[in-house]
PDB file of all heavy atoms in Angstrom:
ATOM      1  N   LYS A   1     -44.689   0.281  35.896  1.00  0.00           N
ATOM      2  CA  LYS A   1     -44.926   1.671  35.526  1.00  0.00           C
ATOM      3  C   LYS A   1     -46.401   1.895  35.667  1.00  0.00           C
ATOM      4  O   LYS A   1     -47.260   1.187  35.261  1.00  0.00           O
ATOM      5  CB  LYS A   1     -44.531   1.718  34.033  1.00  0.00           C
ATOM      6  CG  LYS A   1     -44.499   3.126  33.558  1.00  0.00           C
ATOM      7  CD  LYS A   1     -43.240   3.929  33.981  1.00  0.00           C
ATOM      8  CE  LYS A   1     -43.101   5.169  33.258  1.00  0.00           C
ATOM      9  NZ  LYS A   1     -41.907   5.920  33.689  1.00  0.00           N
ATOM     10  N   ASN A   2     -46.716   3.027  36.301  1.00  0.00           N
ATOM     11  CA  ASN A   2     -48.136   3.562  36.557  1.00  0.00           C
ATOM     12  C   ASN A   2     -48.972   2.402  37.120  1.00  0.00           C
ATOM     13  O   ASN A   2     -50.143   2.288  36.768  1.00  0.00           O
ATOM     14  CB  ASN A   2     -48.677   3.959  35.184  1.00  0.00           C
ATOM     15  CG  ASN A   2     -47.891   5.176  34.552  1.00  0.00           C
ATOM     16  OD1 ASN A   2     -47.342   6.008  35.384  1.00  0.00           O
ATOM     17  ND2 ASN A   2     -47.855   5.198  33.340  1.00  0.00           N
ATOM     18  N   GLY A   3     -48.389   1.636  38.135  1.00  0.00           N
ATOM     19  CA  GLY A   3     -49.102   0.627  38.752  1.00  0.00           C
ATOM     20  C   GLY A   3     -49.436  -0.690  38.066  1.00  0.00           C
ATOM     21  O   GLY A   3     -50.052  -1.572  38.524  1.00  0.00           O
ATOM     22  N   SER A   4     -48.656  -0.748  36.937  1.00  0.00           N
ATOM     23  CA  SER A   4     -48.800  -2.015  36.138  1.00  0.00           C
ATOM     24  C   SER A   4     -47.598  -2.747  36.024  1.00  0.00           C
ATOM     25  O   SER A   4     -46.495  -2.040  35.745  1.00  0.00           O
ATOM     26  CB  SER A   4     -49.572  -1.752  34.850  1.00  0.00           C
ATOM     27  OG  SER A   4     -50.770  -1.079  34.880  1.00  0.00           O
ATOM     28  N   GLU A   5     -47.587  -4.071  35.988  1.00  0.00           N
ATOM     29  CA  GLU A   5     -46.387  -4.892  35.757  1.00  0.00           C
ATOM     30  C   GLU A   5     -46.158  -5.006  34.247  1.00  0.00           C
ATOM     31  O   GLU A   5     -47.036  -5.333  33.495  1.00  0.00           O
ATOM     32  CB  GLU A   5     -46.502  -6.191  36.455  1.00  0.00           C
ATOM     33  CG  GLU A   5     -45.240  -6.990  36.387  1.00  0.00           C
ATOM     34  CD  GLU A   5     -45.415  -8.320  37.010  1.00  0.00           C
ATOM     35  OE1 GLU A   5     -46.375  -9.087  36.791  1.00  0.00           O
ATOM     36  OE2 GLU A   5     -44.487  -8.639  37.914  1.00  0.00           O
ATOM     37  N   ARG A   6     -44.874  -4.801  33.758  1.00  0.00           N
ATOM     38  CA  ARG A   6     -44.626  -4.972  32.391  1.00  0.00           C
ATOM     39  C   ARG A   6     -43.649  -6.076  32.176  1.00  0.00           C
ATOM     40  O   ARG A   6     -42.382  -5.863  32.505  1.00  0.00           O
ATOM     41  CB  ARG A   6     -44.057  -3.639  31.847  1.00  0.00           C
ATOM     42  CG  ARG A   6     -44.945  -2.447  32.082  1.00  0.00           C
ATOM     43  CD  ARG A   6     -44.521  -1.240  31.321  1.00  0.00           C
ATOM     44  NE  ARG A   6     -43.189  -0.742  31.780  1.00  0.00           N
ATOM     45  CZ  ARG A   6     -42.572   0.371  31.283  1.00  0.00           C
ATOM     46  NH1 ARG A   6     -43.399   1.232  30.488  1.00  0.00           N
ATOM     47  NH2 ARG A   6     -41.491   0.745  31.766  1.00  0.00           N
ATOM     48  N   ARG A   7     -44.123  -7.289  31.696  1.00  0.00           N
ATOM     49  CA  ARG A   7     -43.284  -8.384  31.574  1.00  0.00           C
ATOM     50  C   ARG A   7     -42.546  -8.472  30.221  1.00  0.00           C
ATOM     51  O   ARG A   7     -41.869  -9.455  29.973  1.00  0.00           O
ATOM     52  CB  ARG A   7     -44.082  -9.676  31.790  1.00  0.00           C
ATOM     53  CG  ARG A   7     -44.650  -9.715  33.153  1.00  0.00           C
ATOM     54  CD  ARG A   7     -45.076 -11.161  33.586  1.00  0.00           C
ATOM     55  NE  ARG A   7     -45.343 -11.274  34.926  1.00  0.00           N
ATOM     56  CZ  ARG A   7     -45.619 -12.445  35.628  1.00  0.00           C
ATOM     57  NH1 ARG A   7     -45.395 -13.573  34.920  1.00  0.00           N
ATOM     58  NH2 ARG A   7     -45.826 -12.437  36.806  1.00  0.00           N
ATOM     59  N   ASP A   8     -42.675  -7.314  29.489  1.00  0.00           N
ATOM     60  CA  ASP A   8     -41.822  -7.243  28.205  1.00  0.00           C
ATOM     61  C   ASP A   8     -40.832  -6.284  28.343  1.00  0.00           C
ATOM     62  O   ASP A   8     -40.303  -5.775  27.376  1.00  0.00           O
ATOM     63  CB  ASP A   8     -42.761  -6.953  27.030  1.00  0.00           C
ATOM     64  CG  ASP A   8     -43.524  -5.675  27.206  1.00  0.00           C
ATOM     65  OD1 ASP A   8     -43.581  -5.127  28.312  1.00  0.00           O
ATOM     66  OD2 ASP A   8     -44.057  -5.184  26.157  1.00  0.00           O
ATOM     67  N   SER A   9     -40.435  -5.830  29.623  1.00  0.00           N
ATOM     68  CA  SER A   9     -39.504  -4.772  29.916  1.00  0.00           C
ATOM     69  C   SER A   9     -38.148  -5.315  30.039  1.00  0.00           C
ATOM     70  O   SER A   9     -37.918  -6.571  30.196  1.00  0.00           O
ATOM     71  CB  SER A   9     -39.900  -3.959  31.085  1.00  0.00           C
ATOM     72  OG  SER A   9     -39.804  -4.851  32.285  1.00  0.00           O
ATOM     73  N   ILE A  10     -37.140  -4.431  29.991  1.00  0.00           N
ATOM     74  CA  ILE A  10     -35.700  -4.842  30.042  1.00  0.00           C
ATOM     75  C   ILE A  10     -35.475  -5.359  31.548  1.00  0.00           C
ATOM     76  O   ILE A  10     -34.829  -6.359  31.715  1.00  0.00           O
ATOM     77  CB  ILE A  10     -34.812  -3.647  29.777  1.00  0.00           C
ATOM     78  CG1 ILE A  10     -35.002  -3.175  28.373  1.00  0.00           C
ATOM     79  CG2 ILE A  10     -33.342  -3.995  30.087  1.00  0.00           C
ATOM     80  CD1 ILE A  10     -34.359  -1.868  28.014  1.00  0.00           C
ATOM     81  N   GLN A  11     -35.975  -4.688  32.476  1.00  0.00           N
ATOM     82  CA  GLN A  11     -35.758  -5.087  33.838  1.00  0.00           C
ATOM     83  C   GLN A  11     -36.317  -6.402  34.209  1.00  0.00           C
ATOM     84  O   GLN A  11     -35.645  -7.277  34.811  1.00  0.00           O
ATOM     85  CB  GLN A  11     -36.248  -3.964  34.831  1.00  0.00           C
ATOM     86  CG  GLN A  11     -35.860  -4.244  36.295  1.00  0.00           C
ATOM     87  CD  GLN A  11     -36.558  -3.407  37.261  1.00  0.00           C
ATOM     88  OE1 GLN A  11     -37.567  -2.797  36.924  1.00  0.00           O
ATOM     89  NE2 GLN A  11     -36.005  -3.248  38.444  1.00  0.00           N
ATOM     90  N   TRP A  12     -37.527  -6.710  33.693  1.00  0.00           N
ATOM     91  CA  TRP A  12     -38.101  -8.058  33.994  1.00  0.00           C
ATOM     92  C   TRP A  12     -37.366  -9.112  33.208  1.00  0.00           C
ATOM     93  O   TRP A  12     -37.040 -10.121  33.824  1.00  0.00           O
ATOM     94  CB  TRP A  12     -39.477  -8.048  33.355  1.00  0.00           C
ATOM     95  CG  TRP A  12     -40.183  -9.408  33.443  1.00  0.00           C
ATOM     96  CD1 TRP A  12     -40.267 -10.396  32.512  1.00  0.00           C
ATOM     97  CD2 TRP A  12     -40.783  -9.967  34.608  1.00  0.00           C
ATOM     98  NE1 TRP A  12     -40.814 -11.471  32.949  1.00  0.00           N
ATOM     99  CE2 TRP A  12     -41.207 -11.264  34.158  1.00  0.00           C
ATOM    100  CE3 TRP A  12     -40.994  -9.517  35.909  1.00  0.00           C
ATOM    101  CZ2 TRP A  12     -41.845 -12.077  35.141  1.00  0.00           C
ATOM    102  CZ3 TRP A  12     -41.660 -10.380  36.809  1.00  0.00           C
ATOM    103  CH2 TRP A  12     -41.971 -11.675  36.326  1.00  0.00           C
ATOM    104  N   HIS A  13     -36.812  -8.842  32.119  1.00  0.00           N
ATOM    105  CA  HIS A  13     -35.984  -9.848  31.397  1.00  0.00           C
ATOM    106  C   HIS A  13     -34.727 -10.146  32.187  1.00  0.00           C
ATOM    107  O   HIS A  13     -34.339 -11.315  32.280  1.00  0.00           O
ATOM    108  CB  HIS A  13     -35.746  -9.358  29.979  1.00  0.00           C
ATOM    109  CG  HIS A  13     -35.009 -10.257  29.131  1.00  0.00           C
ATOM    110  ND1 HIS A  13     -35.634 -11.609  28.906  1.00  0.00           N
ATOM    111  CD2 HIS A  13     -33.890 -10.233  28.355  1.00  0.00           C
ATOM    112  CE1 HIS A  13     -34.778 -12.203  28.059  1.00  0.00           C
ATOM    113  NE2 HIS A  13     -33.737 -11.432  27.750  1.00  0.00           N
ATOM    114  N   ALA A  14     -34.082  -9.051  32.658  1.00  0.00           N
ATOM    115  CA  ALA A  14     -32.857  -9.233  33.414  1.00  0.00           C
ATOM    116  C   ALA A  14     -33.221  -9.952  34.768  1.00  0.00           C
ATOM    117  O   ALA A  14     -32.377 -10.792  35.175  1.00  0.00           O
ATOM    118  CB  ALA A  14     -32.275  -7.963  33.769  1.00  0.00           C
ATOM    119  N   ALA A  15     -34.275  -9.666  35.354  1.00  0.00           N
ATOM    120  CA  ALA A  15     -34.563 -10.316  36.721  1.00  0.00           C
ATOM    121  C   ALA A  15     -34.825 -11.772  36.507  1.00  0.00           C
ATOM    122  O   ALA A  15     -34.363 -12.565  37.365  1.00  0.00           O
ATOM    123  CB  ALA A  15     -35.862  -9.669  37.239  1.00  0.00           C
ATOM    124  N   GLN A  16     -35.380 -12.284  35.277  1.00  0.00           N
ATOM    125  CA  GLN A  16     -35.553 -13.574  35.005  1.00  0.00           C
ATOM    126  C   GLN A  16     -34.260 -14.434  35.107  1.00  0.00           C
ATOM    127  O   GLN A  16     -34.214 -15.575  35.585  1.00  0.00           O
ATOM    128  CB  GLN A  16     -36.320 -13.844  33.795  1.00  0.00           C
ATOM    129  CG  GLN A  16     -37.601 -13.299  33.683  1.00  0.00           C
ATOM    130  CD  GLN A  16     -38.509 -13.509  34.862  1.00  0.00           C
ATOM    131  OE1 GLN A  16     -38.800 -14.596  35.203  1.00  0.00           O
ATOM    132  NE2 GLN A  16     -38.770 -12.483  35.589  1.00  0.00           N
ATOM    133  N   GLN A  17     -33.166 -13.833  34.581  1.00  0.00           N
ATOM    134  CA  GLN A  17     -31.917 -14.491  34.560  1.00  0.00           C
ATOM    135  C   GLN A  17     -31.343 -14.811  35.975  1.00  0.00           C
ATOM    136  O   GLN A  17     -30.838 -15.913  36.173  1.00  0.00           O
ATOM    137  CB  GLN A  17     -30.773 -13.647  33.733  1.00  0.00           C
ATOM    138  CG  GLN A  17     -31.376 -13.018  32.568  1.00  0.00           C
ATOM    139  CD  GLN A  17     -32.053 -14.076  31.566  1.00  0.00           C
ATOM    140  OE1 GLN A  17     -31.351 -15.107  31.282  1.00  0.00           O
ATOM    141  NE2 GLN A  17     -33.136 -13.758  31.043  1.00  0.00           N
ATOM    142  N   TYR A  18     -31.613 -13.926  36.912  1.00  0.00           N
ATOM    143  CA  TYR A  18     -31.035 -14.091  38.284  1.00  0.00           C
ATOM    144  C   TYR A  18     -32.068 -15.048  39.071  1.00  0.00           C
ATOM    145  O   TYR A  18     -31.599 -15.749  39.848  1.00  0.00           O
ATOM    146  CB  TYR A  18     -30.912 -12.686  38.926  1.00  0.00           C
ATOM    147  CG  TYR A  18     -29.717 -12.125  38.418  1.00  0.00           C
ATOM    148  CD1 TYR A  18     -29.898 -11.209  37.318  1.00  0.00           C
ATOM    149  CD2 TYR A  18     -28.390 -12.297  38.843  1.00  0.00           C
ATOM    150  CE1 TYR A  18     -28.698 -10.635  36.662  1.00  0.00           C
ATOM    151  CE2 TYR A  18     -27.325 -11.636  38.392  1.00  0.00           C
ATOM    152  CZ  TYR A  18     -27.462 -10.862  37.276  1.00  0.00           C
ATOM    153  OH  TYR A  18     -26.369 -10.243  36.825  1.00  0.00           O
ATOM    154  N   MET A  19     -33.371 -14.934  38.706  1.00  0.00           N
ATOM    155  CA  MET A  19     -34.307 -15.862  39.312  1.00  0.00           C
ATOM    156  C   MET A  19     -34.020 -17.269  38.871  1.00  0.00           C
ATOM    157  O   MET A  19     -33.928 -18.230  39.644  1.00  0.00           O
ATOM    158  CB  MET A  19     -35.742 -15.464  38.921  1.00  0.00           C
ATOM    159  CG  MET A  19     -36.110 -14.142  39.554  1.00  0.00           C
ATOM    160  SD  MET A  19     -37.571 -13.366  38.881  1.00  0.00           S
ATOM    161  CE  MET A  19     -38.858 -14.433  39.544  1.00  0.00           C
ATOM    162  N   LYS A  20     -33.697 -17.484  37.624  1.00  0.00           N
ATOM    163  CA  LYS A  20     -33.336 -18.820  37.085  1.00  0.00           C
ATOM    164  C   LYS A  20     -31.994 -19.246  37.585  1.00  0.00           C
ATOM    165  O   LYS A  20     -31.715 -20.433  37.641  1.00  0.00           O
ATOM    166  CB  LYS A  20     -33.325 -18.696  35.467  1.00  0.00           C
ATOM    167  CG  LYS A  20     -34.704 -18.589  34.834  1.00  0.00           C
ATOM    168  CD  LYS A  20     -34.683 -18.472  33.390  1.00  0.00           C
ATOM    169  CE  LYS A  20     -36.013 -18.129  32.730  1.00  0.00           C
ATOM    170  NZ  LYS A  20     -35.816 -17.830  31.353  1.00  0.00           N
ATOM    171  N   GLY A  21     -31.209 -18.298  37.949  1.00  0.00           N
ATOM    172  CA  GLY A  21     -29.788 -18.597  38.485  1.00  0.00           C
ATOM    173  C   GLY A  21     -29.853 -18.962  39.958  1.00  0.00           C
ATOM    174  O   GLY A  21     -28.825 -19.031  40.570  1.00  0.00           O
ATOM    175  N   GLN A  22     -31.039 -19.134  40.476  1.00  0.00           N
ATOM    176  CA  GLN A  22     -31.236 -19.560  41.864  1.00  0.00           C
ATOM    177  C   GLN A  22     -30.629 -18.645  42.874  1.00  0.00           C
ATOM    178  O   GLN A  22     -30.078 -19.153  43.801  1.00  0.00           O
ATOM    179  CB  GLN A  22     -30.776 -21.013  42.012  1.00  0.00           C
ATOM    180  CG  GLN A  22     -31.470 -21.988  41.157  1.00  0.00           C
ATOM    181  CD  GLN A  22     -31.000 -23.452  41.388  1.00  0.00           C
ATOM    182  OE1 GLN A  22     -29.890 -23.603  41.727  1.00  0.00           O
ATOM    183  NE2 GLN A  22     -31.903 -24.436  41.108  1.00  0.00           N
ATOM    184  N   PHE A  23     -30.746 -17.410  42.678  1.00  0.00           N
ATOM    185  CA  PHE A  23     -30.338 -16.430  43.636  1.00  0.00           C
ATOM    186  C   PHE A  23     -31.298 -16.455  44.852  1.00  0.00           C
ATOM    187  O   PHE A  23     -32.551 -16.610  44.607  1.00  0.00           O
ATOM    188  CB  PHE A  23     -30.239 -14.992  43.083  1.00  0.00           C
ATOM    189  CG  PHE A  23     -28.907 -14.738  42.365  1.00  0.00           C
ATOM    190  CD1 PHE A  23     -28.491 -15.246  41.211  1.00  0.00           C
ATOM    191  CD2 PHE A  23     -28.055 -13.817  43.091  1.00  0.00           C
ATOM    192  CE1 PHE A  23     -27.237 -15.164  40.641  1.00  0.00           C
ATOM    193  CE2 PHE A  23     -26.743 -13.630  42.481  1.00  0.00           C
ATOM    194  CZ  PHE A  23     -26.356 -14.180  41.311  1.00  0.00           C
ATOM    195  N   ASP A  24     -30.741 -16.251  46.049  1.00  0.00           N
ATOM    196  CA  ASP A  24     -31.610 -16.275  47.234  1.00  0.00           C
ATOM    197  C   ASP A  24     -32.474 -14.977  47.412  1.00  0.00           C
ATOM    198  O   ASP A  24     -33.510 -15.055  47.956  1.00  0.00           O
ATOM    199  CB  ASP A  24     -30.688 -16.475  48.518  1.00  0.00           C
ATOM    200  CG  ASP A  24     -29.870 -17.639  48.455  1.00  0.00           C
ATOM    201  OD1 ASP A  24     -30.410 -18.770  48.319  1.00  0.00           O
ATOM    202  OD2 ASP A  24     -28.595 -17.463  48.517  1.00  0.00           O
ATOM    203  N   ILE A  25     -31.915 -13.871  46.855  1.00  0.00           N
ATOM    204  CA  ILE A  25     -32.624 -12.606  46.863  1.00  0.00           C
ATOM    205  C   ILE A  25     -32.602 -11.910  45.560  1.00  0.00           C
ATOM    206  O   ILE A  25     -31.427 -11.791  45.109  1.00  0.00           O
ATOM    207  CB  ILE A  25     -32.131 -11.693  48.075  1.00  0.00           C
ATOM    208  CG1 ILE A  25     -32.611 -12.251  49.503  1.00  0.00           C
ATOM    209  CG2 ILE A  25     -32.700 -10.311  47.883  1.00  0.00           C
ATOM    210  CD1 ILE A  25     -32.015 -11.426  50.609  1.00  0.00           C
ATOM    211  N   VAL A  26     -33.642 -11.570  44.992  1.00  0.00           N
ATOM    212  CA  VAL A  26     -33.708 -10.619  43.936  1.00  0.00           C
ATOM    213  C   VAL A  26     -34.704  -9.566  44.257  1.00  0.00           C
ATOM    214  O   VAL A  26     -35.835  -9.648  44.435  1.00  0.00           O
ATOM    215  CB  VAL A  26     -34.121 -11.399  42.539  1.00  0.00           C
ATOM    216  CG1 VAL A  26     -34.270 -10.444  41.378  1.00  0.00           C
ATOM    217  CG2 VAL A  26     -33.278 -12.600  42.223  1.00  0.00           C
ATOM    218  N   PHE A  27     -34.139  -8.261  44.401  1.00  0.00           N
ATOM    219  CA  PHE A  27     -34.853  -7.213  44.884  1.00  0.00           C
ATOM    220  C   PHE A  27     -34.966  -6.134  43.853  1.00  0.00           C
ATOM    221  O   PHE A  27     -33.808  -5.703  43.245  1.00  0.00           O
ATOM    222  CB  PHE A  27     -34.205  -6.566  46.186  1.00  0.00           C
ATOM    223  CG  PHE A  27     -34.914  -5.539  46.896  1.00  0.00           C
ATOM    224  CD1 PHE A  27     -36.059  -5.803  47.622  1.00  0.00           C
ATOM    225  CD2 PHE A  27     -34.491  -4.218  46.652  1.00  0.00           C
ATOM    226  CE1 PHE A  27     -36.790  -4.687  48.158  1.00  0.00           C
ATOM    227  CE2 PHE A  27     -35.225  -3.149  47.229  1.00  0.00           C
ATOM    228  CZ  PHE A  27     -36.356  -3.421  48.010  1.00  0.00           C
TER     229      PHE A  27
END
């Protein structure tokens, strides 16, 4: 948001689950 990464956001939290799930692509 506004050029800054927010690691306390809902989308970041959801992305971590798929990154930890060893997905080949998380876009």
